[in-house]
N, C-alpha and C. Protein backbone atom coordinates (compact mmCIF):
# COMPACT_ATOMS: atom_id res chain seq x y z
N MET A 1 -18.47 11.85 -21.13
CA MET A 1 -17.62 10.82 -20.55
C MET A 1 -17.11 11.31 -19.20
N SER A 2 -17.12 10.44 -18.22
CA SER A 2 -16.67 10.78 -16.87
C SER A 2 -15.39 10.04 -16.55
N TRP A 3 -14.38 10.76 -16.13
CA TRP A 3 -13.11 10.15 -15.74
C TRP A 3 -13.02 10.11 -14.23
N THR A 4 -12.59 8.99 -13.68
CA THR A 4 -12.43 8.83 -12.25
C THR A 4 -10.98 8.48 -11.96
N VAL A 5 -10.35 9.25 -11.12
CA VAL A 5 -8.99 8.96 -10.69
C VAL A 5 -9.09 8.08 -9.46
N MET A 6 -8.41 6.92 -9.49
CA MET A 6 -8.49 6.02 -8.36
C MET A 6 -8.09 6.72 -7.07
N GLY A 7 -8.94 6.60 -6.08
CA GLY A 7 -8.64 7.17 -4.78
C GLY A 7 -9.07 8.60 -4.62
N SER A 8 -9.54 9.23 -5.66
CA SER A 8 -9.97 10.61 -5.53
C SER A 8 -11.32 10.65 -4.83
N LEU A 9 -11.75 11.84 -4.50
CA LEU A 9 -13.05 11.97 -3.87
C LEU A 9 -14.15 11.45 -4.78
N GLY A 10 -13.91 11.46 -6.06
CA GLY A 10 -14.88 10.96 -7.02
C GLY A 10 -14.67 9.49 -7.35
N ALA A 11 -13.93 8.77 -6.52
CA ALA A 11 -13.65 7.36 -6.79
C ALA A 11 -14.95 6.58 -6.96
N ALA A 12 -14.88 5.58 -7.81
CA ALA A 12 -16.08 4.83 -8.17
C ALA A 12 -16.58 3.92 -7.07
N SER A 13 -15.73 3.52 -6.16
CA SER A 13 -16.17 2.54 -5.16
C SER A 13 -15.59 2.85 -3.79
N ASP A 14 -16.21 2.24 -2.79
CA ASP A 14 -15.70 2.35 -1.43
C ASP A 14 -14.30 1.75 -1.33
N ARG A 15 -14.05 0.66 -2.07
CA ARG A 15 -12.72 0.03 -2.04
C ARG A 15 -11.65 0.98 -2.56
N GLU A 16 -11.95 1.71 -3.62
CA GLU A 16 -10.98 2.66 -4.16
C GLU A 16 -10.70 3.78 -3.16
N ARG A 17 -11.73 4.29 -2.54
CA ARG A 17 -11.53 5.33 -1.52
C ARG A 17 -10.76 4.77 -0.33
N ALA A 18 -11.05 3.53 0.05
CA ALA A 18 -10.35 2.90 1.17
C ALA A 18 -8.87 2.70 0.85
N LEU A 19 -8.56 2.32 -0.40
CA LEU A 19 -7.17 2.15 -0.79
C LEU A 19 -6.44 3.48 -0.76
N ARG A 20 -7.08 4.52 -1.23
CA ARG A 20 -6.47 5.86 -1.20
C ARG A 20 -6.19 6.29 0.24
N THR A 21 -7.13 6.04 1.12
CA THR A 21 -6.95 6.37 2.53
C THR A 21 -5.80 5.55 3.12
N LEU A 22 -5.78 4.26 2.80
CA LEU A 22 -4.69 3.40 3.27
C LEU A 22 -3.35 3.93 2.79
N TYR A 23 -3.27 4.28 1.52
CA TYR A 23 -2.04 4.83 0.97
C TYR A 23 -1.64 6.11 1.70
N ASP A 24 -2.58 7.01 1.87
CA ASP A 24 -2.29 8.29 2.53
C ASP A 24 -1.81 8.09 3.96
N GLU A 25 -2.39 7.12 4.65
CA GLU A 25 -2.08 6.93 6.07
C GLU A 25 -0.90 6.01 6.34
N ARG A 26 -0.61 5.08 5.45
CA ARG A 26 0.39 4.05 5.75
C ARG A 26 1.59 3.97 4.82
N ALA A 27 1.47 4.42 3.59
CA ALA A 27 2.54 4.21 2.62
C ALA A 27 3.85 4.86 3.04
N GLY A 28 3.78 6.03 3.63
CA GLY A 28 5.01 6.71 4.06
C GLY A 28 5.79 5.93 5.09
N ALA A 29 5.09 5.39 6.07
CA ALA A 29 5.76 4.61 7.12
C ALA A 29 6.32 3.30 6.57
N VAL A 30 5.56 2.64 5.69
CA VAL A 30 6.03 1.40 5.09
C VAL A 30 7.25 1.69 4.21
N TYR A 31 7.19 2.78 3.46
CA TYR A 31 8.33 3.17 2.61
C TYR A 31 9.59 3.40 3.44
N THR A 32 9.47 4.14 4.52
CA THR A 32 10.62 4.41 5.39
C THR A 32 11.21 3.11 5.93
N TYR A 33 10.34 2.21 6.35
CA TYR A 33 10.76 0.91 6.87
C TYR A 33 11.50 0.12 5.79
N VAL A 34 10.96 0.08 4.59
CA VAL A 34 11.56 -0.70 3.51
C VAL A 34 12.88 -0.09 3.07
N VAL A 35 12.98 1.23 3.04
CA VAL A 35 14.25 1.87 2.69
C VAL A 35 15.33 1.42 3.66
N ARG A 36 15.00 1.37 4.95
CA ARG A 36 15.98 0.88 5.94
C ARG A 36 16.35 -0.56 5.68
N LEU A 37 15.35 -1.40 5.40
CA LEU A 37 15.63 -2.82 5.13
C LEU A 37 16.54 -2.99 3.92
N LEU A 38 16.39 -2.11 2.94
CA LEU A 38 17.15 -2.22 1.69
C LEU A 38 18.43 -1.40 1.71
N GLY A 39 18.82 -0.88 2.85
CA GLY A 39 20.07 -0.14 2.95
C GLY A 39 20.07 1.15 2.17
N GLY A 40 18.89 1.77 2.03
CA GLY A 40 18.82 3.08 1.39
C GLY A 40 18.40 3.07 -0.07
N ASP A 41 18.10 1.91 -0.63
CA ASP A 41 17.70 1.82 -2.03
C ASP A 41 16.26 2.30 -2.21
N ARG A 42 16.12 3.58 -2.49
CA ARG A 42 14.80 4.21 -2.56
C ARG A 42 13.97 3.73 -3.75
N HIS A 43 14.60 3.48 -4.87
CA HIS A 43 13.87 3.01 -6.04
C HIS A 43 13.28 1.63 -5.80
N ARG A 44 14.07 0.74 -5.26
CA ARG A 44 13.57 -0.61 -4.95
C ARG A 44 12.49 -0.52 -3.87
N ALA A 45 12.65 0.37 -2.91
CA ALA A 45 11.65 0.53 -1.85
C ALA A 45 10.31 0.95 -2.44
N GLU A 46 10.33 1.83 -3.42
CA GLU A 46 9.08 2.24 -4.07
C GLU A 46 8.39 1.05 -4.71
N ASP A 47 9.17 0.19 -5.35
CA ASP A 47 8.60 -1.01 -5.98
C ASP A 47 7.98 -1.94 -4.94
N VAL A 48 8.67 -2.12 -3.82
CA VAL A 48 8.19 -3.01 -2.77
C VAL A 48 6.89 -2.47 -2.17
N VAL A 49 6.84 -1.18 -1.89
CA VAL A 49 5.63 -0.59 -1.31
C VAL A 49 4.48 -0.70 -2.31
N GLN A 50 4.75 -0.45 -3.57
CA GLN A 50 3.71 -0.58 -4.58
C GLN A 50 3.17 -2.00 -4.63
N GLU A 51 4.05 -2.98 -4.60
CA GLU A 51 3.63 -4.38 -4.64
C GLU A 51 2.84 -4.75 -3.38
N ALA A 52 3.28 -4.27 -2.23
CA ALA A 52 2.56 -4.56 -0.98
C ALA A 52 1.15 -3.97 -1.03
N LEU A 53 1.02 -2.74 -1.52
CA LEU A 53 -0.30 -2.12 -1.63
C LEU A 53 -1.17 -2.85 -2.66
N LEU A 54 -0.58 -3.30 -3.74
CA LEU A 54 -1.32 -4.05 -4.74
C LEU A 54 -1.84 -5.36 -4.16
N ARG A 55 -0.99 -6.04 -3.41
CA ARG A 55 -1.43 -7.29 -2.77
C ARG A 55 -2.53 -7.02 -1.76
N CYS A 56 -2.42 -5.93 -1.05
CA CYS A 56 -3.46 -5.55 -0.11
C CYS A 56 -4.78 -5.33 -0.85
N TRP A 57 -4.72 -4.61 -1.94
CA TRP A 57 -5.89 -4.33 -2.78
C TRP A 57 -6.55 -5.63 -3.24
N ARG A 58 -5.71 -6.60 -3.62
CA ARG A 58 -6.23 -7.86 -4.16
C ARG A 58 -6.77 -8.81 -3.10
N THR A 59 -6.21 -8.79 -1.90
CA THR A 59 -6.51 -9.86 -0.94
C THR A 59 -7.23 -9.44 0.32
N GLN A 60 -7.19 -8.17 0.67
CA GLN A 60 -7.74 -7.74 1.96
C GLN A 60 -9.07 -7.02 1.77
N ASP A 61 -9.90 -7.08 2.81
CA ASP A 61 -11.15 -6.33 2.82
C ASP A 61 -10.83 -4.93 3.33
N LEU A 62 -10.71 -4.00 2.41
CA LEU A 62 -10.30 -2.64 2.74
C LEU A 62 -11.38 -1.85 3.45
N THR A 63 -12.59 -2.30 3.40
CA THR A 63 -13.70 -1.55 3.99
C THR A 63 -14.14 -2.11 5.34
N SER A 64 -13.46 -3.13 5.85
CA SER A 64 -13.88 -3.78 7.09
C SER A 64 -13.52 -2.98 8.34
N GLY A 65 -12.55 -2.10 8.21
CA GLY A 65 -12.10 -1.34 9.38
C GLY A 65 -11.03 -2.06 10.19
N GLN A 66 -10.67 -3.26 9.78
CA GLN A 66 -9.61 -3.98 10.50
C GLN A 66 -8.27 -3.31 10.25
N PRO A 67 -7.37 -3.34 11.22
CA PRO A 67 -6.07 -2.70 11.04
C PRO A 67 -5.23 -3.46 10.00
N LEU A 68 -4.76 -2.74 9.01
CA LEU A 68 -3.96 -3.34 7.95
C LEU A 68 -2.48 -3.02 8.07
N ARG A 69 -2.13 -2.14 8.99
CA ARG A 69 -0.72 -1.75 9.14
C ARG A 69 0.19 -2.94 9.39
N PRO A 70 -0.11 -3.82 10.36
CA PRO A 70 0.79 -4.97 10.59
C PRO A 70 0.90 -5.87 9.36
N TRP A 71 -0.20 -6.06 8.68
CA TRP A 71 -0.20 -6.90 7.48
C TRP A 71 0.70 -6.29 6.42
N LEU A 72 0.57 -4.99 6.19
CA LEU A 72 1.39 -4.31 5.18
C LEU A 72 2.88 -4.40 5.49
N PHE A 73 3.24 -4.19 6.75
CA PHE A 73 4.64 -4.27 7.13
C PHE A 73 5.18 -5.68 6.94
N ARG A 74 4.39 -6.68 7.30
CA ARG A 74 4.83 -8.07 7.15
C ARG A 74 5.01 -8.42 5.67
N VAL A 75 4.05 -8.04 4.84
CA VAL A 75 4.16 -8.32 3.41
C VAL A 75 5.36 -7.60 2.82
N ALA A 76 5.57 -6.35 3.17
CA ALA A 76 6.72 -5.60 2.66
C ALA A 76 8.02 -6.27 3.07
N ARG A 77 8.11 -6.69 4.32
CA ARG A 77 9.33 -7.36 4.80
C ARG A 77 9.54 -8.66 4.03
N ASN A 78 8.47 -9.44 3.86
CA ASN A 78 8.58 -10.69 3.12
C ASN A 78 9.01 -10.47 1.67
N LEU A 79 8.53 -9.42 1.05
CA LEU A 79 8.95 -9.11 -0.32
C LEU A 79 10.45 -8.81 -0.37
N VAL A 80 10.95 -8.08 0.61
CA VAL A 80 12.37 -7.76 0.66
C VAL A 80 13.18 -9.04 0.87
N VAL A 81 12.77 -9.86 1.82
CA VAL A 81 13.49 -11.10 2.13
C VAL A 81 13.47 -12.05 0.94
N ASP A 82 12.32 -12.17 0.28
CA ASP A 82 12.19 -13.10 -0.83
C ASP A 82 12.99 -12.67 -2.06
N ASP A 83 13.25 -11.37 -2.14
CA ASP A 83 14.01 -10.86 -3.29
C ASP A 83 15.46 -11.16 -3.08
C-alpha cells in the first residue's frame, strides 16, 4: 500500500503539488493580512486562510501559472466581511 501526503514530493497529481506550492508561497502573507483584518484573532484567521485555499483548490486552475495571489487576498477579505 502506498500513502501519499497531499502536497508532498510524492503527491499524486500536479494539482496537489501546485496547491502545496501555493500554500508555501502565499499562505503566510494571506494569514498575516487576515489577522490584521480580524484585529489579531489568530484562530479565526487560520480558518479563513484554510477556507480561501480550499476555494482556490475547488475553483482555480492551479497549474495554469496565472497569479493567484490577488484572488486569494480578495477571497480572504470577502470571507472576513461576510462573517
